[in-house]
Amino acid sequence: MSVLIYLIPIALFMGGLGLAAFLWALKSGQFDDPEGAAERILLDDDLEEQDD
């Protein structure tokens, strides 16, 4: 039971660290274009180069 005295603050610190990292990622623009890469793979840009 006395181990909880150590584990609870460690868990709260790690949760706060994860939250801080997530908020930093939001502010730095990591999630600005979540669908761009998924749609970009469907485009056939290399077909235009083969026609030459």
Protein backbone atom coordinates (compact mmCIF):
# COMPACT_ATOMS: atom_id res chain seq x y z
CA MET A 1 0.00 0.00 0.00
CA SER A 2 2.84 2.40 0.72
CA VAL A 3 4.02 1.99 -2.87
CA LEU A 4 1.02 4.08 -3.96
CA ILE A 5 2.65 7.09 -2.33
CA TYR A 6 5.30 6.87 -5.06
CA LEU A 7 3.24 5.59 -7.98
CA ILE A 8 0.43 8.18 -7.92
CA PRO A 9 2.72 11.25 -8.22
CA ILE A 10 4.76 9.51 -10.92
CA ALA A 11 1.59 8.71 -12.87
CA LEU A 12 0.33 12.27 -12.51
CA PHE A 13 3.68 13.66 -13.65
CA MET A 14 3.77 11.38 -16.70
CA GLY A 15 0.18 12.27 -17.57
CA GLY A 16 0.99 15.97 -17.32
CA LEU A 17 4.07 15.45 -19.47
CA GLY A 18 1.96 13.71 -22.12
CA LEU A 19 -0.60 16.50 -22.02
CA ALA A 20 2.13 19.12 -22.37
CA ALA A 21 3.59 17.28 -25.37
CA PHE A 22 0.15 17.09 -26.99
CA LEU A 23 -0.50 20.80 -26.45
CA TRP A 24 2.94 21.62 -27.86
CA ALA A 25 2.15 19.53 -30.95
CA LEU A 26 -1.13 21.40 -31.40
CA LYS A 27 0.57 24.80 -31.16
CA SER A 28 3.40 23.87 -33.53
CA GLY A 29 1.01 22.81 -36.29
CA GLN A 30 1.52 19.05 -36.26
CA PHE A 31 -2.18 18.43 -36.92
CA ASP A 32 -2.88 21.10 -39.55
CA ASP A 33 -3.35 18.73 -42.51
CA PRO A 34 -4.33 15.26 -41.27
CA GLU A 35 -6.01 14.23 -44.55
CA GLY A 36 -3.43 15.59 -46.99
CA ALA A 37 -1.07 12.62 -46.96
CA ALA A 38 -3.96 10.16 -47.13
CA GLU A 39 -5.34 11.83 -50.25
CA ARG A 40 -1.94 12.55 -51.81
CA ILE A 41 -1.18 8.86 -52.15
CA LEU A 42 -4.24 8.43 -54.37
CA LEU A 43 -3.12 11.01 -56.94
CA ASP A 44 -1.44 9.74 -60.09
CA ASP A 45 1.19 12.44 -60.61
CA ASP A 46 3.74 9.99 -62.01
CA LEU A 47 1.45 9.04 -64.93
CA GLU A 48 2.05 12.46 -66.52
CA GLU A 49 5.80 11.84 -66.56
CA GLN A 50 5.40 8.52 -68.39
CA ASP A 51 3.52 10.12 -71.31
CA ASP A 52 6.60 12.08 -72.45
